[in-house]
């Protein structure tokens, strides 16, 4: 007797509709439910500011804000972010006017190669908003999830301090 082969639908064949609110715009995507938010942002929406560094949540290069809180987009499935407000580095500036943290990073020369800079800036914005930009040690602690392979840490701390002062935080 010949056994009839089992037919199993591959999860890859099962795309799902997801509606993401990114930088104030509503975007509809049809994606595999296993797609990370990082890949959806970069590959499907063309928002390449968030970087794929380690793809394991260890470096912070992919940091975005979800409902105002920092999140590692490489560890977040896009479907988990549906209906929530997502802000990427591209959404911080208002037209030609840089966000105070972006301006402070430039003024303090807080980047070298620039690869980690978007994640650093997104974490710095959250760090200031969370009220953790008072002392240098506190800034270092609350920015510790973001790695800089160029070792621009003193300039990053100075930028966070300057941006906090500029915003009155």
Protein backbone atom coordinates (compact mmCIF):
# COMPACT_ATOMS: atom_id res chain seq x y z
CA UNK A 1 0.00 0.00 0.00
CA UNK A 2 1.25 3.39 -0.93
CA UNK A 3 0.72 5.95 1.78
CA UNK A 4 -0.68 9.27 0.69
CA UNK A 5 1.83 12.00 1.49
CA UNK A 6 0.81 14.40 4.19
CA UNK A 7 0.27 17.94 3.01
CA UNK A 8 1.21 20.54 5.57
CA UNK A 9 0.94 24.22 4.82
CA UNK A 10 4.25 25.87 5.48
CA UNK A 11 4.08 28.92 7.76
CA UNK A 12 5.99 30.74 5.02
CA UNK A 13 2.92 30.46 2.84
CA UNK A 14 0.72 32.06 5.48
CA UNK A 15 1.07 35.82 5.12
CA UNK A 16 -0.89 38.11 7.38
CA UNK A 17 -2.11 41.69 7.13
CA UNK A 18 -0.60 44.06 9.65
CA UNK A 19 -1.21 47.76 10.12
CA UNK A 20 1.67 49.67 11.63
CA UNK A 21 1.64 53.29 12.76
CA UNK A 22 5.17 54.49 12.08
CA UNK A 23 6.33 58.07 12.58
CA UNK A 24 2.74 59.29 12.50
CA UNK A 25 1.78 57.45 9.30
CA UNK A 26 -0.40 54.37 9.05
CA UNK A 27 1.15 51.68 6.86
CA UNK A 28 -0.46 48.39 5.79
CA UNK A 29 1.73 45.38 5.09
CA UNK A 30 1.17 41.79 4.10
CA UNK A 31 3.96 39.87 5.79
CA UNK A 32 4.95 36.53 7.18
CA UNK A 33 3.93 36.57 10.87
CA UNK A 34 7.55 35.79 11.83
CA UNK A 35 8.95 39.01 10.33
CA UNK A 36 10.66 41.19 12.90
CA UNK A 37 9.75 44.82 13.27
CA UNK A 38 13.31 45.69 12.22
CA UNK A 39 12.99 43.79 8.95
CA UNK A 40 9.54 45.25 8.27
CA UNK A 41 10.85 48.78 8.86
CA UNK A 42 13.99 48.35 6.76
CA UNK A 43 12.96 45.95 4.01
CA UNK A 44 9.28 46.72 3.55
CA UNK A 45 8.96 50.39 4.53
CA UNK A 46 12.39 51.65 3.46
CA UNK A 47 13.18 53.12 6.89
CA UNK A 48 16.82 52.11 7.05
CA UNK A 49 17.88 54.29 9.99
CA UNK A 50 17.46 51.46 12.50
CA UNK A 51 20.42 49.15 12.01
CA UNK A 52 20.72 45.39 12.12
CA UNK A 53 23.77 44.92 14.30
CA UNK A 54 23.75 41.66 16.19
CA UNK A 55 20.19 40.50 15.44
CA UNK A 56 20.09 39.14 19.02
CA UNK A 57 19.13 42.19 21.08
CA UNK A 58 22.64 42.69 22.44
CA UNK A 59 23.91 45.82 20.70
CA UNK A 60 20.98 48.28 20.63
CA UNK A 61 21.57 49.42 17.04
CA UNK A 62 17.95 48.58 16.21
CA UNK A 63 16.39 50.61 19.05
CA UNK A 64 13.06 52.27 18.24
CA UNK A 65 10.27 53.60 20.43
CA UNK A 66 6.99 51.74 20.75
CA UNK A 67 4.37 53.81 22.54
CA UNK A 68 7.15 56.07 23.79
CA UNK A 69 9.26 53.29 25.30
CA UNK A 70 12.48 52.02 23.83
CA UNK A 71 12.32 48.61 22.19
CA UNK A 72 14.75 46.37 20.35
CA UNK A 73 13.12 46.00 16.96
CA UNK A 74 15.19 42.92 16.10
CA UNK A 75 13.47 41.04 18.96
CA UNK A 76 9.97 42.38 18.31
CA UNK A 77 7.72 40.74 15.78
CA UNK A 78 6.02 43.26 13.51
CA UNK A 79 2.61 41.75 14.32
CA UNK A 80 3.23 42.53 18.01
CA UNK A 81 3.52 46.23 17.19
CA UNK A 82 0.19 46.45 15.40
CA UNK A 83 -1.96 49.29 16.70
CA UNK A 84 0.91 50.84 18.63
CA UNK A 85 2.81 54.06 17.88
CA UNK A 86 6.27 53.31 16.50
CA UNK A 87 8.91 56.02 16.25
CA UNK A 88 12.16 55.49 14.39
CA UNK A 89 15.17 57.78 14.04
CA UNK A 90 13.54 59.14 10.87
CA UNK A 91 10.58 60.34 12.94
CA UNK A 92 12.47 62.43 15.50
CA UNK A 93 13.24 65.57 13.51
CA UNK A 94 10.48 68.03 12.70
CA UNK A 95 11.08 68.91 9.09
CA UNK A 96 14.55 70.46 8.85
CA UNK A 97 14.74 71.03 12.61
CA UNK A 98 16.71 68.31 14.36
CA UNK A 99 15.55 66.81 17.63
CA UNK A 100 17.65 68.27 20.51
CA UNK A 101 19.36 64.90 21.00
CA UNK A 102 20.30 64.71 17.32
CA UNK A 103 21.71 68.24 17.50
CA UNK A 104 23.64 67.40 20.70
CA UNK A 105 25.19 64.32 19.08
CA UNK A 106 26.50 66.51 16.28
CA UNK A 107 27.70 69.27 18.63
CA UNK A 108 29.47 66.80 20.94
CA UNK A 109 30.92 64.72 18.09
CA UNK A 110 29.21 61.69 19.64
CA UNK A 111 29.67 59.36 16.71
CA UNK A 112 32.51 58.07 14.63
CA UNK A 113 31.48 55.42 12.13
CA UNK A 114 27.82 56.27 12.79
CA UNK A 115 26.51 52.71 12.69
CA UNK A 116 25.27 52.70 16.29
CA UNK A 117 24.20 56.36 16.26
CA UNK A 118 20.48 55.89 15.43
CA UNK A 119 20.06 53.38 18.27
CA UNK A 120 22.13 55.54 20.62
CA UNK A 121 20.00 58.58 19.82
CA UNK A 122 16.73 56.69 20.29
CA UNK A 123 17.95 55.38 23.65
CA UNK A 124 19.19 58.83 24.66
CA UNK A 125 15.78 60.36 23.93
CA UNK A 126 14.16 57.71 26.13
CA UNK A 127 16.84 58.07 28.80
CA UNK A 128 16.12 61.80 29.09
CA UNK A 129 12.33 61.29 28.95
CA UNK A 130 12.58 58.65 31.71
CA UNK A 131 14.48 61.11 33.92
CA UNK A 132 17.78 59.21 33.92
CA UNK A 133 20.09 61.91 32.59
CA UNK A 134 21.11 63.55 35.86
CA UNK A 135 24.58 62.17 36.49
CA UNK A 136 27.14 60.70 34.13
CA UNK A 137 27.05 57.33 35.92
CA UNK A 138 23.27 57.27 35.59
CA UNK A 139 23.49 58.10 31.88
CA UNK A 140 26.06 55.34 31.36
CA UNK A 141 23.86 52.84 33.21
CA UNK A 142 20.69 53.65 31.28
CA UNK A 143 22.55 53.76 27.95
CA UNK A 144 24.43 50.51 28.65
CA UNK A 145 22.26 48.46 26.28
CA UNK A 146 23.71 50.35 23.32
CA UNK A 147 27.18 49.36 22.19
CA UNK A 148 29.58 51.60 20.30
CA UNK A 149 32.38 49.71 18.64
CA UNK A 150 34.27 52.97 18.07
CA UNK A 151 34.24 53.75 21.81
CA UNK A 152 32.68 57.21 21.55
CA UNK A 153 31.15 56.74 25.00
CA UNK A 154 32.51 59.96 26.59
CA UNK A 155 31.05 62.02 23.74
CA UNK A 156 27.75 60.10 23.91
CA UNK A 157 27.44 60.82 27.64
CA UNK A 158 28.28 64.48 26.99
CA UNK A 159 25.62 64.62 24.24
CA UNK A 160 22.96 63.13 26.52
CA UNK A 161 23.91 65.58 29.27
CA UNK A 162 23.82 68.54 26.83
CA UNK A 163 20.47 67.49 25.34
CA UNK A 164 18.97 67.04 28.80
CA UNK A 165 20.13 70.54 29.76
CA UNK A 166 18.82 72.01 26.48
CA UNK A 167 15.38 70.47 27.04
CA UNK A 168 15.26 71.37 30.74
CA UNK A 169 15.11 67.73 31.80
